[in-house]
Amino acid sequence: MTEPTQPPAGRPEPLGVERAPTGNADVDAHLARLADADDLDASGHLAVYEDVHQGLRDALGALDQRPGPSPAPTRPYDNRS
């Protein structure tokens, strides 16, 4: 059995958090950027997190701009008993 490798002395240790694909390429790309924080000291994490947060906000906002399905037509006087 092999033992896990340790980062070189003085280097941050990656958290190893797995990220499952969401099916949205734009969202997945932003979430993949979180891995950049693994190679940074804690002082560099904020910039990565803010960038990812803004990217995810933009991606979600873009969903609001897409037209959704049209509602079914209604006939106001078609109420039969």
Protein backbone atom coordinates (compact mmCIF):
# COMPACT_ATOMS: atom_id res chain seq x y z
CA MET A 1 0.00 0.00 0.00
CA THR A 2 1.41 3.39 -0.94
CA GLU A 3 1.33 6.28 1.46
CA PRO A 4 -0.09 9.63 0.34
CA THR A 5 2.50 12.06 -0.87
CA GLN A 6 3.14 15.11 1.27
CA PRO A 7 3.67 18.56 -0.21
CA PRO A 8 7.18 19.97 0.03
CA ALA A 9 7.96 21.67 3.32
CA GLY A 10 6.56 25.18 3.48
CA ARG A 11 3.99 24.54 0.72
CA PRO A 12 0.25 24.49 1.43
CA GLU A 13 -1.47 21.13 1.40
CA PRO A 14 -4.39 20.78 -1.05
CA LEU A 15 -7.71 20.05 0.61
CA GLY A 16 -8.59 17.36 -1.93
CA VAL A 17 -12.24 18.41 -2.21
CA GLU A 18 -13.87 16.62 -5.13
CA ARG A 19 -16.09 18.63 -7.46
CA ALA A 20 -18.78 16.81 -9.40
CA PRO A 21 -19.69 18.18 -12.84
CA THR A 22 -22.91 20.20 -12.90
CA GLY A 23 -23.64 19.74 -16.59
CA ASN A 24 -23.25 23.47 -17.25
CA ALA A 25 -19.88 24.08 -18.90
CA ASP A 26 -19.67 27.70 -17.69
CA VAL A 27 -20.38 26.77 -14.06
CA ASP A 28 -18.01 23.79 -14.23
CA ALA A 29 -15.20 26.03 -15.51
CA HIS A 30 -15.65 28.43 -12.60
CA LEU A 31 -15.75 25.60 -10.07
CA ALA A 32 -12.58 24.10 -11.58
CA ARG A 33 -10.87 27.41 -10.87
CA LEU A 34 -11.20 26.63 -7.15
CA ALA A 35 -8.31 24.19 -7.61
CA ASP A 36 -6.05 27.21 -8.15
CA ALA A 37 -6.36 27.95 -4.44
CA ASP A 38 -4.66 24.62 -3.66
CA ASP A 39 -1.29 26.03 -4.73
CA LEU A 40 -1.62 29.32 -2.87
CA ASP A 41 -1.02 30.39 0.69
CA ALA A 42 -4.19 31.31 2.57
CA SER A 43 -3.58 34.99 1.79
CA GLY A 44 -4.15 34.24 -1.92
CA HIS A 45 -7.39 32.31 -1.46
CA LEU A 46 -9.62 35.37 -1.23
CA ALA A 47 -8.83 36.54 -4.76
CA VAL A 48 -9.63 33.10 -6.19
CA TYR A 49 -12.85 32.79 -4.18
CA GLU A 50 -14.02 36.26 -5.19
CA ASP A 51 -13.27 35.53 -8.85
CA VAL A 52 -15.17 32.23 -8.71
CA HIS A 53 -18.07 33.83 -6.83
CA GLN A 54 -18.40 36.61 -9.41
CA GLY A 55 -18.18 34.11 -12.27
CA LEU A 56 -20.91 31.96 -10.75
CA ARG A 57 -23.12 35.02 -10.18
CA ASP A 58 -22.64 35.99 -13.83
CA ALA A 59 -23.43 32.44 -15.00
CA LEU A 60 -26.59 32.31 -12.91
CA GLY A 61 -27.60 35.78 -14.06
CA ALA A 62 -27.23 34.66 -17.66
CA LEU A 63 -29.80 31.94 -17.01
CA ASP A 64 -32.33 34.67 -16.19
CA GLN A 65 -31.68 36.26 -19.59
CA ARG A 66 -32.58 33.12 -21.54
CA PRO A 67 -36.19 32.81 -22.61
CA GLY A 68 -37.98 29.97 -20.91
CA PRO A 69 -40.77 27.82 -22.29
CA SER A 70 -43.90 29.64 -23.34
CA PRO A 71 -46.87 29.19 -21.04
CA ALA A 72 -49.76 27.15 -22.37
CA PRO A 73 -52.36 29.33 -24.05
CA THR A 74 -55.39 30.00 -21.89
CA ARG A 75 -58.96 30.51 -22.95
CA PRO A 76 -60.68 32.55 -20.23
CA TYR A 77 -64.22 31.55 -21.25
CA ASP A 78 -63.64 27.84 -21.60
CA ASN A 79 -64.89 26.84 -18.13
CA ARG A 80 -67.37 24.05 -18.68
CA SER A 81 -69.09 22.32 -15.82
